[in-house]
Amino acid sequence: MHIAEGFLPPLQAAAWTAAAAPFVVHGATAVVRQVREKPETRLLLGAAGAFTFVLSAVKLPSVTGSSSHPTGTGLGAVLFRPPVMAFMGTVVLLFQALLLAHGGLTTLGANVFSMAIIGPWVGYGAWRGLRTLNAPVSVGIFAAMFCADLATYCTTSLQLAIAFPDATSGIGGSLVKFLSVFALTQIPLAVIEGLLGVLVFRTLRRIAGPELAGLSVLTRHNRAEAQTQTKDSYVAS
């Protein structure tokens, strides 16, 4: 994630941009529909975008041409579904490329594909799978954040391996090398990101219970509990 400007061959950069474009366009439509149909969730939508921006701006050196970051996309994928995060993640990555020199414009498509498309879908899949098994909400949120983070970096490793295959072992050998380098920093970061996601979701559950219920994030039991907590906070205030 955040592959540097000009680091990918032009043809591959264009190919990743073409692959990401349909998801981003569909995501933009999903955001417009979300705001139009449920305007009360606009603040949550903004919070999810800001969370992704701030968390993914934390930068740790990892390997030449890239770096290790949390991603923050798992939470937004749970709240608003992966298509929304395809667009939100693109906006985040574009601003980071322009304002923070994290990533680049020529590599934007590749970075979007890994962080804003693959990561959210894998994280959302983990969330849905665990909720189907009646796992606690906190476990689902942790898994969504953890898996979205690691899936992003597995995709980035594949992108770099395709661009720079090993002289003797080809793309497979290069992929193993990139994955091993990223793993040293990314697995601990993914764990920390998962724990942070749980804390943030608990806060949202307390102050925005009805909105989370409207998004169908919580079960009926969870909705009642969230509404009770919200009422209690109103009484306390």
Protein backbone atom coordinates (compact mmCIF):
# COMPACT_ATOMS: atom_id res chain seq x y z
CA MET A 1 0.00 0.00 0.00
CA HIS A 2 1.26 3.51 -0.83
CA ILE A 3 3.51 2.31 -3.63
CA ALA A 4 5.67 5.31 -4.50
CA GLU A 5 5.21 7.57 -7.53
CA GLY A 6 6.74 6.10 -10.67
CA PHE A 7 7.71 2.84 -8.95
CA LEU A 8 5.55 0.61 -11.18
CA PRO A 9 6.15 0.16 -14.91
CA PRO A 10 3.74 2.41 -16.85
CA LEU A 11 1.84 -0.47 -18.46
CA GLN A 12 1.25 -2.18 -15.13
CA ALA A 13 0.24 1.09 -13.47
CA ALA A 14 -2.32 1.63 -16.22
CA ALA A 15 -3.60 -1.93 -15.89
CA TRP A 16 -4.18 -1.56 -12.13
CA THR A 17 -5.95 1.75 -12.73
CA ALA A 18 -8.24 0.12 -15.29
CA ALA A 19 -8.95 -2.75 -12.90
CA ALA A 20 -9.83 -0.39 -10.03
CA ALA A 21 -11.91 2.10 -12.03
CA PRO A 22 -15.22 0.12 -12.19
CA PHE A 23 -15.17 -0.44 -8.42
CA VAL A 24 -14.55 3.25 -7.77
CA VAL A 25 -17.36 4.35 -10.08
CA HIS A 26 -19.74 1.86 -8.46
CA GLY A 27 -18.58 3.07 -5.04
CA ALA A 28 -19.31 6.71 -5.93
CA THR A 29 -22.85 5.69 -6.87
CA ALA A 30 -23.18 3.80 -3.59
CA VAL A 31 -22.07 6.85 -1.59
CA VAL A 32 -24.61 9.10 -3.34
CA ARG A 33 -27.35 6.54 -2.70
CA GLN A 34 -26.31 6.17 0.94
CA VAL A 35 -26.47 9.92 1.59
CA ARG A 36 -29.77 10.30 -0.27
CA GLU A 37 -31.56 7.37 1.38
CA LYS A 38 -30.10 7.71 4.87
CA PRO A 39 -28.97 11.32 5.40
CA GLU A 40 -28.72 10.72 9.15
CA THR A 41 -25.63 8.56 8.51
CA ARG A 42 -23.59 11.37 6.91
CA LEU A 43 -21.66 12.02 10.11
CA LEU A 44 -20.79 8.33 10.42
CA LEU A 45 -19.73 8.32 6.78
CA GLY A 46 -17.44 11.28 7.38
CA ALA A 47 -16.07 9.65 10.53
CA ALA A 48 -15.26 6.45 8.62
CA GLY A 49 -13.41 8.45 5.97
CA ALA A 50 -11.50 10.48 8.55
CA PHE A 51 -10.59 7.33 10.49
CA THR A 52 -9.17 5.76 7.33
CA PHE A 53 -7.26 8.92 6.41
CA VAL A 54 -5.66 9.39 9.82
CA LEU A 55 -4.84 5.75 10.43
CA SER A 56 -3.39 5.09 6.98
CA ALA A 57 -1.26 8.25 7.22
CA VAL A 58 0.84 6.64 9.98
CA LYS A 59 4.00 5.63 8.13
CA LEU A 60 6.66 3.08 9.05
CA PRO A 61 9.60 2.22 6.75
CA SER A 62 9.27 -1.27 5.31
CA VAL A 63 10.82 -1.87 1.90
CA THR A 64 12.24 0.28 -0.91
CA GLY A 65 9.42 1.94 -2.83
CA SER A 66 6.75 1.31 -0.22
CA SER A 67 6.02 1.52 3.49
CA SER A 68 3.91 -0.07 6.19
CA HIS A 69 0.75 1.58 7.47
CA PRO A 70 -2.44 0.66 9.20
CA THR A 71 -5.28 0.95 6.67
CA GLY A 72 -8.46 1.67 8.63
CA THR A 73 -10.75 0.39 5.87
CA GLY A 74 -12.20 -2.58 7.76
CA LEU A 75 -14.41 -0.44 9.98
CA GLY A 76 -15.90 1.49 7.08
CA ALA A 77 -16.53 -1.77 5.21
CA VAL A 78 -18.52 -3.11 8.16
CA LEU A 79 -20.53 0.09 8.55
CA PHE A 80 -21.24 0.93 4.91
CA ARG A 81 -20.22 -2.15 2.87
CA PRO A 82 -17.12 -2.47 0.63
CA PRO A 83 -18.40 -0.54 -2.44
CA VAL A 84 -18.63 2.66 -0.37
CA MET A 85 -15.08 2.16 0.86
CA ALA A 86 -13.83 1.78 -2.73
CA PHE A 87 -14.75 5.40 -3.32
CA MET A 88 -13.86 6.66 0.16
CA GLY A 89 -10.49 4.93 0.03
CA THR A 90 -9.77 6.47 -3.36
CA VAL A 91 -10.44 9.95 -2.00
CA VAL A 92 -8.20 9.23 0.99
CA LEU A 93 -5.35 7.94 -1.17
CA LEU A 94 -5.66 10.83 -3.62
CA PHE A 95 -5.39 13.42 -0.85
CA GLN A 96 -2.50 11.56 0.76
CA ALA A 97 -0.64 11.46 -2.56
CA LEU A 98 -1.20 15.18 -3.14
CA LEU A 99 -0.74 16.48 0.40
CA LEU A 100 1.53 13.98 2.17
CA ALA A 101 3.50 12.42 -0.69
CA HIS A 102 2.25 9.00 0.43
CA GLY A 103 1.93 6.98 -2.74
CA GLY A 104 1.59 8.70 -6.09
CA LEU A 105 -0.73 9.58 -8.93
CA THR A 106 0.66 7.06 -11.41
CA THR A 107 0.40 4.31 -8.78
CA LEU A 108 -2.98 5.47 -7.45
CA GLY A 109 -4.86 2.70 -9.23
CA ALA A 110 -2.63 0.00 -7.74
CA ASN A 111 -2.90 1.49 -4.27
CA VAL A 112 -6.68 1.82 -4.59
CA PHE A 113 -6.96 -1.78 -5.73
CA SER A 114 -5.09 -3.09 -2.70
CA MET A 115 -6.33 -0.78 0.07
CA ALA A 116 -9.76 0.38 -1.06
CA ILE A 117 -11.02 -2.72 -2.89
CA ILE A 118 -9.36 -5.97 -1.82
CA GLY A 119 -8.87 -4.96 1.83
CA PRO A 120 -12.49 -3.91 2.49
CA TRP A 121 -13.95 -6.96 0.75
CA VAL A 122 -11.75 -9.39 2.69
CA GLY A 123 -12.45 -7.56 5.96
CA TYR A 124 -16.19 -7.53 5.29
CA GLY A 125 -16.09 -11.22 4.44
CA ALA A 126 -14.43 -11.96 7.79
CA TRP A 127 -17.07 -9.85 9.59
CA ARG A 128 -19.99 -11.56 7.85
CA GLY A 129 -18.55 -15.01 8.38
CA LEU A 130 -18.05 -14.53 12.11
CA ARG A 131 -21.45 -12.89 12.57
CA THR A 132 -23.06 -15.86 10.80
CA LEU A 133 -21.37 -18.03 13.42
CA ASN A 134 -22.81 -15.75 16.17
CA ALA A 135 -19.37 -14.54 17.24
CA PRO A 136 -19.36 -11.45 19.48
CA VAL A 137 -19.45 -8.10 17.70
CA SER A 138 -16.02 -7.18 19.06
CA VAL A 139 -14.50 -10.34 17.60
CA GLY A 140 -16.07 -9.55 14.23
CA ILE A 141 -14.76 -5.99 14.24
CA PHE A 142 -11.27 -7.12 15.21
CA ALA A 143 -11.27 -9.72 12.44
CA ALA A 144 -12.52 -7.21 9.87
CA MET A 145 -9.78 -4.72 10.70
CA PHE A 146 -7.05 -7.37 10.98
CA CYS A 147 -7.95 -9.16 7.74
CA ALA A 148 -8.46 -5.95 5.74
CA ASP A 149 -5.01 -4.80 6.78
CA LEU A 150 -3.22 -8.04 5.91
CA ALA A 151 -5.14 -8.52 2.66
CA THR A 152 -4.06 -5.07 1.55
CA TYR A 153 -0.41 -5.90 2.06
CA CYS A 154 -0.67 -9.32 0.48
CA THR A 155 -2.08 -7.59 -2.61
CA THR A 156 0.65 -4.94 -2.53
CA SER A 157 3.27 -7.69 -2.28
CA LEU A 158 1.76 -9.37 -5.35
CA GLN A 159 1.76 -6.07 -7.26
CA LEU A 160 5.43 -5.49 -6.45
CA ALA A 161 6.32 -9.11 -7.25
CA ILE A 162 4.72 -8.80 -10.69
CA ALA A 163 6.61 -5.56 -11.29
CA PHE A 164 9.94 -6.89 -10.02
CA PRO A 165 10.16 -10.67 -10.45
CA ASP A 166 13.16 -12.43 -8.97
CA ALA A 167 15.92 -13.17 -11.46
CA THR A 168 16.00 -16.87 -10.57
CA SER A 169 12.64 -17.77 -9.02
CA GLY A 170 10.38 -15.37 -10.88
CA ILE A 171 7.21 -13.81 -9.49
CA GLY A 172 6.72 -16.57 -6.91
CA GLY A 173 10.11 -16.05 -5.33
CA SER A 174 9.73 -12.28 -5.38
CA LEU A 175 6.30 -12.58 -3.75
CA VAL A 176 7.73 -14.64 -0.90
CA LYS A 177 10.45 -12.05 -0.35
CA PHE A 178 8.03 -9.10 -0.29
CA LEU A 179 5.60 -10.92 2.00
CA SER A 180 8.37 -11.83 4.44
CA VAL A 181 9.58 -8.23 4.62
CA PHE A 182 6.11 -6.80 5.11
CA ALA A 183 5.18 -9.43 7.71
CA LEU A 184 7.79 -8.14 10.15
CA THR A 185 5.92 -4.85 10.56
CA GLN A 186 2.43 -5.55 9.23
CA ILE A 187 1.26 -8.39 11.48
CA PRO A 188 1.82 -6.37 14.70
CA LEU A 189 0.24 -3.34 13.01
CA ALA A 190 -2.78 -5.42 12.01
CA VAL A 191 -3.24 -6.60 15.59
CA ILE A 192 -3.03 -3.05 16.91
CA GLU A 193 -5.43 -1.87 14.21
CA GLY A 194 -7.90 -4.58 15.16
CA LEU A 195 -7.83 -3.58 18.83
CA LEU A 196 -8.22 0.10 17.94
CA GLY A 197 -11.17 -0.75 15.70
CA VAL A 198 -12.88 -2.51 18.60
CA LEU A 199 -12.45 0.55 20.82
CA VAL A 200 -13.74 2.92 18.14
CA PHE A 201 -16.75 0.72 17.40
CA ARG A 202 -17.64 0.54 21.09
CA THR A 203 -17.62 4.34 21.20
CA LEU A 204 -19.79 4.55 18.09
CA ARG A 205 -22.14 1.97 19.55
CA ARG A 206 -22.59 4.11 22.63
CA ILE A 207 -23.13 7.46 20.90
CA ALA A 208 -24.65 6.40 17.58
CA GLY A 209 -26.61 3.25 18.42
CA PRO A 210 -29.73 4.13 16.36
CA GLU A 211 -27.63 4.95 13.28
CA LEU A 212 -25.78 1.64 13.54
CA ALA A 213 -29.12 -0.12 13.86
CA GLY A 214 -30.35 1.66 10.75
CA LEU A 215 -27.29 0.40 8.89
CA SER A 216 -28.15 -3.18 9.97
CA VAL A 217 -24.74 -3.54 11.56
CA LEU A 218 -26.24 -4.83 14.82
CA THR A 219 -28.62 -7.70 15.48
CA ARG A 220 -31.97 -7.09 17.17
CA HIS A 221 -30.47 -7.83 20.57
CA ASN A 222 -27.54 -5.52 19.86
CA ARG A 223 -29.90 -2.79 18.61
CA ALA A 224 -31.94 -2.87 21.82
CA GLU A 225 -28.78 -2.76 23.90
CA ALA A 226 -27.38 0.13 21.87
CA GLN A 227 -30.63 2.09 22.20
CA THR A 228 -30.64 1.48 25.96
CA GLN A 229 -27.06 2.74 26.22
CA THR A 230 -27.94 5.82 24.19
CA LYS A 231 -30.94 6.58 26.38
CA ASP A 232 -28.81 6.12 29.50
CA SER A 233 -26.26 8.59 28.13
CA TYR A 234 -29.01 11.14 27.51
CA VAL A 235 -30.26 10.71 31.07
CA ALA A 236 -26.74 11.03 32.45
CA SER A 237 -26.20 14.24 30.53
